[in-house]
Amino acid sequence: MAQFPPLSEETEMLSYVFSLVETFRAFDGDNDSLISAAELGGIMSSLGYKVTEQDISMIMQQGDANGDGLLIIEEFLQMNTKEIELGELMSFLTTATKALDVEGEESVTGIHLYDIVGSMGIGLSLEDCNDIVAAMAGNGDGVANFEDFKLIVGSLL
């Protein structure tokens, strides 16, 4: 059974990516799951950044992979997670995500993740699994929304 060293750095990265999901939702003022240049500029200005239209245009161009002039959450995450690497843990989380998807889960708990990775022969402790899920759970209850979990894991591939 594969054993992992302490995962504090990895869970910190997962928490960071979850904060990016929340940031995207804050930028998406009209809740259409898209960020326009106007939304991006408005939020950045409200946060105290002095950005020009040219700055906003450049940011949008960097992230807009499909060229439609808008950012979808996957583009936003890709733009902000290019340098993150979780190593071997990533492959196990990807496999666990597929298993959870097959089961039709709406939420993920540490215990559920622990059961799945255990059945795969992965030596993550229950505490590790609880920490991983907590890093992706926004309300502190230790339960992550499955769609957010899948989005976060997918953005790190």
N, C-alpha and C. Protein backbone atom coordinates (compact mmCIF):
# COMPACT_ATOMS: atom_id res chain seq x y z
N MET A 1 0.85 -1.18 0.00
CA MET A 1 0.00 0.00 0.00
C MET A 1 0.89 1.24 0.00
N ALA A 2 0.65 2.14 -0.93
CA ALA A 2 1.43 3.38 -1.04
C ALA A 2 1.16 4.29 0.15
N GLN A 3 2.22 4.76 0.79
CA GLN A 3 2.11 5.68 1.92
C GLN A 3 2.55 7.06 1.49
N PHE A 4 1.94 8.08 2.07
CA PHE A 4 2.27 9.45 1.73
C PHE A 4 2.89 10.16 2.92
N PRO A 5 3.83 11.04 2.66
CA PRO A 5 4.34 11.90 3.73
C PRO A 5 3.24 12.91 4.09
N PRO A 6 3.43 13.71 5.12
CA PRO A 6 2.42 14.70 5.47
C PRO A 6 2.02 15.55 4.25
N LEU A 7 0.73 15.82 4.15
CA LEU A 7 0.19 16.47 2.96
C LEU A 7 -0.13 17.95 3.16
N SER A 8 0.48 18.59 4.13
CA SER A 8 0.10 19.97 4.43
C SER A 8 0.30 20.90 3.23
N GLU A 9 1.37 20.73 2.48
CA GLU A 9 1.61 21.59 1.32
C GLU A 9 0.56 21.33 0.23
N GLU A 10 0.23 20.05 0.02
CA GLU A 10 -0.76 19.71 -1.00
C GLU A 10 -2.14 20.22 -0.63
N THR A 11 -2.53 20.07 0.65
CA THR A 11 -3.85 20.56 1.04
C THR A 11 -3.90 22.08 0.99
N GLU A 12 -2.78 22.72 1.24
CA GLU A 12 -2.71 24.17 1.10
C GLU A 12 -2.95 24.57 -0.36
N MET A 13 -2.38 23.83 -1.28
CA MET A 13 -2.59 24.11 -2.71
C MET A 13 -4.04 23.87 -3.10
N LEU A 14 -4.64 22.80 -2.60
CA LEU A 14 -6.05 22.53 -2.89
C LEU A 14 -6.94 23.65 -2.34
N SER A 15 -6.60 24.12 -1.15
CA SER A 15 -7.34 25.23 -0.55
C SER A 15 -7.20 26.49 -1.39
N TYR A 16 -6.00 26.73 -1.91
CA TYR A 16 -5.77 27.87 -2.77
C TYR A 16 -6.64 27.80 -4.02
N VAL A 17 -6.71 26.61 -4.63
CA VAL A 17 -7.52 26.46 -5.84
C VAL A 17 -9.00 26.66 -5.51
N PHE A 18 -9.43 26.16 -4.34
CA PHE A 18 -10.82 26.40 -3.94
C PHE A 18 -11.08 27.90 -3.78
N SER A 19 -10.11 28.63 -3.25
CA SER A 19 -10.29 30.08 -3.12
C SER A 19 -10.39 30.73 -4.50
N LEU A 20 -9.73 30.17 -5.50
CA LEU A 20 -9.87 30.67 -6.86
C LEU A 20 -11.28 30.44 -7.39
N VAL A 21 -11.88 29.30 -7.05
CA VAL A 21 -13.27 29.03 -7.45
C VAL A 21 -14.18 30.09 -6.84
N GLU A 22 -13.97 30.37 -5.56
CA GLU A 22 -14.78 31.39 -4.89
C GLU A 22 -14.53 32.78 -5.48
N THR A 23 -13.29 33.05 -5.83
CA THR A 23 -12.97 34.34 -6.46
C THR A 23 -13.68 34.47 -7.79
N PHE A 24 -13.66 33.43 -8.60
CA PHE A 24 -14.38 33.46 -9.87
C PHE A 24 -15.84 33.80 -9.64
N ARG A 25 -16.45 33.15 -8.67
CA ARG A 25 -17.87 33.39 -8.39
C ARG A 25 -18.11 34.83 -7.94
N ALA A 26 -17.15 35.41 -7.22
CA ALA A 26 -17.28 36.81 -6.81
C ALA A 26 -17.15 37.74 -8.02
N PHE A 27 -16.25 37.42 -8.96
CA PHE A 27 -16.09 38.21 -10.18
C PHE A 27 -17.35 38.12 -11.05
N ASP A 28 -18.01 36.99 -11.03
CA ASP A 28 -19.17 36.74 -11.88
C ASP A 28 -20.40 37.42 -11.28
N GLY A 29 -20.46 38.73 -11.42
CA GLY A 29 -21.51 39.53 -10.78
C GLY A 29 -22.92 39.18 -11.20
N ASP A 30 -23.13 38.76 -12.44
CA ASP A 30 -24.48 38.44 -12.90
C ASP A 30 -24.79 36.93 -12.85
N ASN A 31 -23.89 36.16 -12.25
CA ASN A 31 -24.08 34.71 -12.05
C ASN A 31 -24.40 33.95 -13.33
N ASP A 32 -23.75 34.33 -14.43
CA ASP A 32 -23.95 33.60 -15.68
C ASP A 32 -22.84 32.60 -15.97
N SER A 33 -21.97 32.39 -14.99
CA SER A 33 -20.83 31.46 -15.09
C SER A 33 -19.80 31.92 -16.10
N LEU A 34 -19.76 33.21 -16.36
CA LEU A 34 -18.80 33.83 -17.26
C LEU A 34 -18.29 35.11 -16.62
N ILE A 35 -17.04 35.44 -16.87
CA ILE A 35 -16.51 36.72 -16.43
C ILE A 35 -16.23 37.55 -17.67
N SER A 36 -16.86 38.70 -17.73
CA SER A 36 -16.61 39.63 -18.83
C SER A 36 -15.49 40.57 -18.42
N ALA A 37 -14.97 41.29 -19.38
CA ALA A 37 -13.93 42.29 -19.09
C ALA A 37 -14.46 43.33 -18.11
N ALA A 38 -15.72 43.73 -18.26
CA ALA A 38 -16.31 44.72 -17.36
C ALA A 38 -16.39 44.20 -15.93
N GLU A 39 -16.78 42.93 -15.77
CA GLU A 39 -16.84 42.34 -14.43
C GLU A 39 -15.45 42.25 -13.80
N LEU A 40 -14.49 41.82 -14.59
CA LEU A 40 -13.12 41.72 -14.09
C LEU A 40 -12.60 43.08 -13.68
N GLY A 41 -12.79 44.08 -14.53
CA GLY A 41 -12.34 45.44 -14.22
C GLY A 41 -13.02 46.01 -12.99
N GLY A 42 -14.32 45.78 -12.86
CA GLY A 42 -15.06 46.29 -11.71
C GLY A 42 -14.59 45.69 -10.40
N ILE A 43 -14.40 44.40 -10.38
CA ILE A 43 -13.93 43.74 -9.15
C ILE A 43 -12.52 44.19 -8.80
N MET A 44 -11.65 44.23 -9.79
CA MET A 44 -10.26 44.64 -9.52
C MET A 44 -10.23 46.07 -8.98
N SER A 45 -11.03 46.94 -9.55
CA SER A 45 -11.09 48.32 -9.05
C SER A 45 -11.62 48.36 -7.63
N SER A 46 -12.65 47.56 -7.34
CA SER A 46 -13.22 47.55 -5.99
C SER A 46 -12.23 47.00 -4.96
N LEU A 47 -11.27 46.19 -5.43
CA LEU A 47 -10.24 45.67 -4.54
C LEU A 47 -9.05 46.62 -4.40
N GLY A 48 -9.14 47.76 -5.08
CA GLY A 48 -8.10 48.78 -4.95
C GLY A 48 -7.01 48.73 -5.99
N TYR A 49 -7.15 47.85 -6.98
CA TYR A 49 -6.15 47.79 -8.04
C TYR A 49 -6.42 48.90 -9.05
N LYS A 50 -5.36 49.53 -9.48
CA LYS A 50 -5.45 50.56 -10.52
C LYS A 50 -5.12 49.89 -11.84
N VAL A 51 -6.14 49.49 -12.56
CA VAL A 51 -5.93 48.80 -13.83
C VAL A 51 -6.56 49.60 -14.96
N THR A 52 -5.89 49.56 -16.08
CA THR A 52 -6.40 50.23 -17.27
C THR A 52 -7.21 49.24 -18.09
N GLU A 53 -7.94 49.75 -19.06
CA GLU A 53 -8.67 48.86 -19.97
C GLU A 53 -7.69 47.95 -20.71
N GLN A 54 -6.51 48.49 -21.01
CA GLN A 54 -5.48 47.69 -21.68
C GLN A 54 -5.03 46.54 -20.78
N ASP A 55 -4.86 46.81 -19.46
CA ASP A 55 -4.49 45.75 -18.52
C ASP A 55 -5.55 44.66 -18.49
N ILE A 56 -6.81 45.07 -18.41
CA ILE A 56 -7.92 44.11 -18.36
C ILE A 56 -7.96 43.31 -19.66
N SER A 57 -7.78 43.98 -20.78
CA SER A 57 -7.78 43.29 -22.08
C SER A 57 -6.66 42.26 -22.14
N MET A 58 -5.49 42.60 -21.63
CA MET A 58 -4.36 41.67 -21.64
C MET A 58 -4.65 40.46 -20.75
N ILE A 59 -5.21 40.69 -19.57
CA ILE A 59 -5.55 39.59 -18.67
C ILE A 59 -6.57 38.68 -19.33
N MET A 60 -7.57 39.27 -19.93
CA MET A 60 -8.62 38.48 -20.59
C MET A 60 -8.02 37.65 -21.73
N GLN A 61 -7.15 38.24 -22.53
CA GLN A 61 -6.54 37.52 -23.65
C GLN A 61 -5.69 36.35 -23.16
N GLN A 62 -5.00 36.54 -22.03
CA GLN A 62 -4.15 35.47 -21.49
C GLN A 62 -4.98 34.27 -21.08
N GLY A 63 -6.16 34.52 -20.54
CA GLY A 63 -6.97 33.42 -20.02
C GLY A 63 -8.00 32.86 -20.97
N ASP A 64 -8.40 33.63 -21.95
CA ASP A 64 -9.51 33.26 -22.84
C ASP A 64 -9.07 32.26 -23.90
N ALA A 65 -9.02 30.99 -23.53
CA ALA A 65 -8.52 29.95 -24.43
C ALA A 65 -9.39 29.75 -25.66
N ASN A 66 -10.70 29.94 -25.52
CA ASN A 66 -11.58 29.69 -26.67
C ASN A 66 -11.85 30.94 -27.50
N GLY A 67 -11.29 32.09 -27.08
CA GLY A 67 -11.36 33.31 -27.87
C GLY A 67 -12.72 33.98 -27.96
N ASP A 68 -13.61 33.70 -27.00
CA ASP A 68 -14.95 34.30 -27.07
C ASP A 68 -15.06 35.63 -26.32
N GLY A 69 -13.95 36.10 -25.76
CA GLY A 69 -13.97 37.38 -25.05
C GLY A 69 -14.48 37.28 -23.62
N LEU A 70 -14.71 36.07 -23.14
CA LEU A 70 -15.20 35.83 -21.78
C LEU A 70 -14.35 34.74 -21.14
N LEU A 71 -14.33 34.73 -19.82
CA LEU A 71 -13.63 33.67 -19.11
C LEU A 71 -14.66 32.74 -18.48
N ILE A 72 -14.52 31.45 -18.77
CA ILE A 72 -15.30 30.46 -18.03
C ILE A 72 -14.42 30.01 -16.87
N ILE A 73 -15.01 29.34 -15.92
CA ILE A 73 -14.28 28.99 -14.70
C ILE A 73 -13.06 28.12 -15.01
N GLU A 74 -13.18 27.20 -15.95
CA GLU A 74 -12.04 26.34 -16.29
C GLU A 74 -10.87 27.17 -16.84
N GLU A 75 -11.18 28.17 -17.66
CA GLU A 75 -10.12 29.04 -18.18
C GLU A 75 -9.49 29.85 -17.06
N PHE A 76 -10.32 30.36 -16.17
CA PHE A 76 -9.84 31.15 -15.04
C PHE A 76 -8.92 30.31 -14.16
N LEU A 77 -9.33 29.07 -13.88
CA LEU A 77 -8.51 28.18 -13.06
C LEU A 77 -7.22 27.82 -13.78
N GLN A 78 -7.31 27.49 -15.05
CA GLN A 78 -6.11 27.14 -15.81
C GLN A 78 -5.10 28.28 -15.79
N MET A 79 -5.61 29.49 -15.95
CA MET A 79 -4.77 30.68 -15.97
C MET A 79 -4.02 30.86 -14.64
N ASN A 80 -4.64 30.42 -13.55
CA ASN A 80 -4.08 30.67 -12.23
C ASN A 80 -3.46 29.44 -11.56
N THR A 81 -3.47 28.30 -12.23
CA THR A 81 -2.93 27.09 -11.61
C THR A 81 -1.85 26.42 -12.44
N LYS A 82 -1.35 27.09 -13.45
CA LYS A 82 -0.37 26.50 -14.36
C LYS A 82 0.85 25.93 -13.64
N GLU A 83 1.27 26.55 -12.57
CA GLU A 83 2.51 26.18 -11.89
C GLU A 83 2.30 25.19 -10.74
N ILE A 84 1.07 24.81 -10.45
CA ILE A 84 0.80 23.93 -9.30
C ILE A 84 0.97 22.48 -9.72
N GLU A 85 1.70 21.73 -8.90
CA GLU A 85 1.94 20.31 -9.15
C GLU A 85 1.73 19.55 -7.84
N LEU A 86 0.85 18.56 -7.87
CA LEU A 86 0.60 17.76 -6.67
C LEU A 86 1.20 16.36 -6.76
N GLY A 87 1.91 16.08 -7.82
CA GLY A 87 2.62 14.81 -7.93
C GLY A 87 1.70 13.60 -7.91
N GLU A 88 2.13 12.59 -7.18
CA GLU A 88 1.43 11.30 -7.15
C GLU A 88 0.02 11.43 -6.59
N LEU A 89 -0.17 12.35 -5.64
CA LEU A 89 -1.50 12.54 -5.06
C LEU A 89 -2.52 12.87 -6.15
N MET A 90 -2.10 13.61 -7.17
CA MET A 90 -3.02 14.02 -8.22
C MET A 90 -3.62 12.83 -8.95
N SER A 91 -2.82 11.83 -9.24
CA SER A 91 -3.36 10.67 -9.96
C SER A 91 -4.39 9.93 -9.09
N PHE A 92 -4.14 9.86 -7.79
CA PHE A 92 -5.10 9.19 -6.92
C PHE A 92 -6.39 10.00 -6.79
N LEU A 93 -6.26 11.33 -6.70
CA LEU A 93 -7.46 12.16 -6.62
C LEU A 93 -8.26 12.10 -7.92
N THR A 94 -7.57 11.99 -9.04
CA THR A 94 -8.25 11.87 -10.33
C THR A 94 -9.05 10.57 -10.38
N THR A 95 -8.44 9.48 -9.96
CA THR A 95 -9.12 8.19 -9.94
C THR A 95 -10.28 8.22 -8.96
N ALA A 96 -10.07 8.82 -7.79
CA ALA A 96 -11.15 8.92 -6.79
C ALA A 96 -12.30 9.76 -7.33
N THR A 97 -11.99 10.81 -8.07
CA THR A 97 -13.03 11.66 -8.65
C THR A 97 -13.87 10.87 -9.63
N LYS A 98 -13.22 10.05 -10.45
CA LYS A 98 -13.97 9.22 -11.41
C LYS A 98 -14.88 8.25 -10.67
N ALA A 99 -14.39 7.65 -9.58
CA ALA A 99 -15.21 6.72 -8.81
C ALA A 99 -16.41 7.44 -8.18
N LEU A 100 -16.18 8.63 -7.66
CA LEU A 100 -17.28 9.41 -7.07
C LEU A 100 -18.29 9.80 -8.13
N ASP A 101 -17.81 10.12 -9.33
CA ASP A 101 -18.69 10.51 -10.42
C ASP A 101 -19.59 9.34 -10.83
N VAL A 102 -19.01 8.15 -10.90
CA VAL A 102 -19.78 6.95 -11.26
C VAL A 102 -20.86 6.71 -10.22
N GLU A 103 -20.55 6.98 -8.96
CA GLU A 103 -21.52 6.78 -7.88
C GLU A 103 -22.60 7.85 -7.86
N GLY A 104 -22.42 8.91 -8.63
CA GLY A 104 -23.41 9.98 -8.68
C GLY A 104 -23.47 10.84 -7.43
N GLU A 105 -22.34 11.00 -6.77
CA GLU A 105 -22.30 11.76 -5.52
C GLU A 105 -22.54 13.25 -5.75
N GLU A 106 -23.22 13.88 -4.81
CA GLU A 106 -23.40 15.34 -4.83
C GLU A 106 -22.43 16.02 -3.89
N SER A 107 -21.92 15.26 -2.93
CA SER A 107 -20.96 15.82 -1.98
C SER A 107 -19.91 14.76 -1.64
N VAL A 108 -18.82 15.24 -1.06
CA VAL A 108 -17.70 14.36 -0.72
C VAL A 108 -17.32 14.64 0.73
N THR A 109 -17.16 13.58 1.50
CA THR A 109 -16.67 13.71 2.87
C THR A 109 -15.30 13.03 2.96
N GLY A 110 -14.58 13.32 4.01
CA GLY A 110 -13.30 12.68 4.23
C GLY A 110 -13.43 11.17 4.35
N ILE A 111 -14.48 10.72 5.02
CA ILE A 111 -14.69 9.29 5.21
C ILE A 111 -14.93 8.61 3.87
N HIS A 112 -15.73 9.25 3.03
CA HIS A 112 -16.02 8.68 1.71
C HIS A 112 -14.74 8.61 0.87
N LEU A 113 -13.97 9.67 0.87
CA LEU A 113 -12.70 9.67 0.13
C LEU A 113 -11.76 8.60 0.69
N TYR A 114 -11.71 8.47 2.00
CA TYR A 114 -10.87 7.47 2.66
C TYR A 114 -11.26 6.06 2.21
N ASP A 115 -12.57 5.80 2.15
CA ASP A 115 -13.04 4.49 1.70
C ASP A 115 -12.62 4.21 0.26
N ILE A 116 -12.75 5.23 -0.59
CA ILE A 116 -12.41 5.05 -2.00
C ILE A 116 -10.91 4.83 -2.18
N VAL A 117 -10.08 5.69 -1.58
CA VAL A 117 -8.64 5.52 -1.77
C VAL A 117 -8.14 4.25 -1.09
N GLY A 118 -8.79 3.87 0.00
CA GLY A 118 -8.43 2.60 0.66
C GLY A 118 -8.69 1.41 -0.24
N SER A 119 -9.82 1.45 -0.95
CA SER A 119 -10.14 0.34 -1.86
C SER A 119 -9.19 0.31 -3.05
N MET A 120 -8.49 1.41 -3.29
CA MET A 120 -7.51 1.48 -4.37
C MET A 120 -6.10 1.11 -3.87
N GLY A 121 -5.98 0.81 -2.57
CA GLY A 121 -4.69 0.44 -2.01
C GLY A 121 -3.78 1.63 -1.71
N ILE A 122 -4.38 2.79 -1.53
CA ILE A 122 -3.60 4.00 -1.28
C ILE A 122 -3.59 4.27 0.22
N GLY A 123 -2.40 4.51 0.75
CA GLY A 123 -2.23 4.67 2.18
C GLY A 123 -2.45 6.08 2.71
N LEU A 124 -3.54 6.72 2.32
CA LEU A 124 -3.87 8.01 2.92
C LEU A 124 -4.65 7.74 4.20
N SER A 125 -4.29 8.44 5.25
CA SER A 125 -5.00 8.26 6.51
C SER A 125 -6.35 8.97 6.44
N LEU A 126 -7.23 8.63 7.36
CA LEU A 126 -8.52 9.31 7.44
C LEU A 126 -8.30 10.80 7.70
N GLU A 127 -7.31 11.13 8.51
CA GLU A 127 -7.00 12.53 8.77
C GLU A 127 -6.57 13.24 7.48
N ASP A 128 -5.73 12.58 6.67
CA ASP A 128 -5.33 13.16 5.38
C ASP A 128 -6.55 13.40 4.50
N CYS A 129 -7.42 12.40 4.43
CA CYS A 129 -8.62 12.53 3.59
C CYS A 129 -9.53 13.64 4.10
N ASN A 130 -9.68 13.73 5.41
CA ASN A 130 -10.48 14.83 5.99
C ASN A 130 -9.86 16.18 5.64
N ASP A 131 -8.53 16.27 5.71
CA ASP A 131 -7.84 17.52 5.38
C ASP A 131 -8.00 17.88 3.90
N ILE A 132 -7.90 16.88 3.04
CA ILE A 132 -8.06 17.12 1.60
C ILE A 132 -9.46 17.66 1.31
N VAL A 133 -10.47 17.02 1.86
CA VAL A 133 -11.86 17.46 1.62
C VAL A 133 -12.10 18.82 2.26
N ALA A 134 -11.59 19.03 3.47
CA ALA A 134 -11.78 20.32 4.14
C ALA A 134 -11.17 21.47 3.33
N ALA A 135 -10.08 21.19 2.63
CA ALA A 135 -9.44 22.22 1.80
C ALA A 135 -10.34 22.64 0.65
N MET A 136 -11.30 21.79 0.30
CA MET A 136 -12.19 22.09 -0.83
C MET A 136 -13.62 22.32 -0.38
N ALA A 137 -13.83 22.47 0.92
CA ALA A 137 -15.17 22.71 1.47
C ALA A 137 -15.23 24.15 1.97
N GLY A 138 -16.12 24.91 1.42
CA GLY A 138 -16.16 26.34 1.72
C GLY A 138 -16.77 26.72 3.05
N ASN A 139 -17.64 25.91 3.59
CA ASN A 139 -18.35 26.35 4.79
C ASN A 139 -17.81 25.76 6.09
N GLY A 140 -16.72 25.04 6.02
CA GLY A 140 -16.08 24.53 7.23
C GLY A 140 -16.73 23.30 7.83
N ASP A 141 -17.69 22.70 7.14
CA ASP A 141 -18.36 21.54 7.70
C ASP A 141 -17.70 20.22 7.31
N GLY A 142 -16.61 20.29 6.53
CA GLY A 142 -15.89 19.08 6.14
C GLY A 142 -16.55 18.32 5.01
N VAL A 143 -17.51 18.95 4.35
CA VAL A 143 -18.19 18.33 3.22
C VAL A 143 -17.98 19.22 2.00
N ALA A 144 -17.40 18.66 0.95
CA ALA A 144 -17.16 19.42 -0.28
C ALA A 144 -18.25 19.12 -1.29
N ASN A 145 -18.67 20.13 -1.99
CA ASN A 145 -19.59 19.95 -3.11
C ASN A 145 -18.84 19.16 -4.17
N PHE A 146 -19.45 18.09 -4.69
CA PHE A 146 -18.74 17.24 -5.64
C PHE A 146 -18.34 17.99 -6.90
N GLU A 147 -19.20 18.87 -7.39
CA GLU A 147 -18.86 19.61 -8.61
C GLU A 147 -17.62 20.48 -8.38
N ASP A 148 -17.51 21.11 -7.21
CA ASP A 148 -16.32 21.89 -6.88
C ASP A 148 -15.10 20.98 -6.77
N PHE A 149 -15.27 19.84 -6.11
CA PHE A 149 -14.19 18.86 -5.96
C PHE A 149 -13.67 18.45 -7.34
N LYS A 150 -14.59 18.11 -8.24
CA LYS A 150 -14.23 17.68 -9.59
C LYS A 150 -13.57 18.82 -10.36
N LEU A 151 -14.07 20.01 -10.21
CA LEU A 151 -13.50 21.18 -10.88
C LEU A 151 -12.08 21.45 -10.42
N ILE A 152 -11.86 21.37 -9.12
CA ILE A 152 -10.52 21.62 -8.55
C ILE A 152 -9.53 20.57 -9.02
N VAL A 153 -9.91 19.31 -8.92
CA VAL A 153 -9.02 18.23 -9.36
C VAL A 153 -8.76 18.36 -10.86
N GLY A 154 -9.79 18.63 -11.64
CA GLY A 154 -9.64 18.77 -13.08
C GLY A 154 -8.73 19.92 -13.47
N SER A 155 -8.75 20.99 -12.69
CA SER A 155 -7.92 22.15 -13.03
C SER A 155 -6.43 21.90 -12.78
N LEU A 156 -6.13 20.86 -12.03
CA LEU A 156 -4.73 20.58 -11.69
C LEU A 156 -4.13 19.48 -12.57
N LEU A 157 -4.89 19.01 -13.52
CA LEU A 157 -4.37 17.96 -14.42
C LEU A 157 -3.39 18.54 -15.42
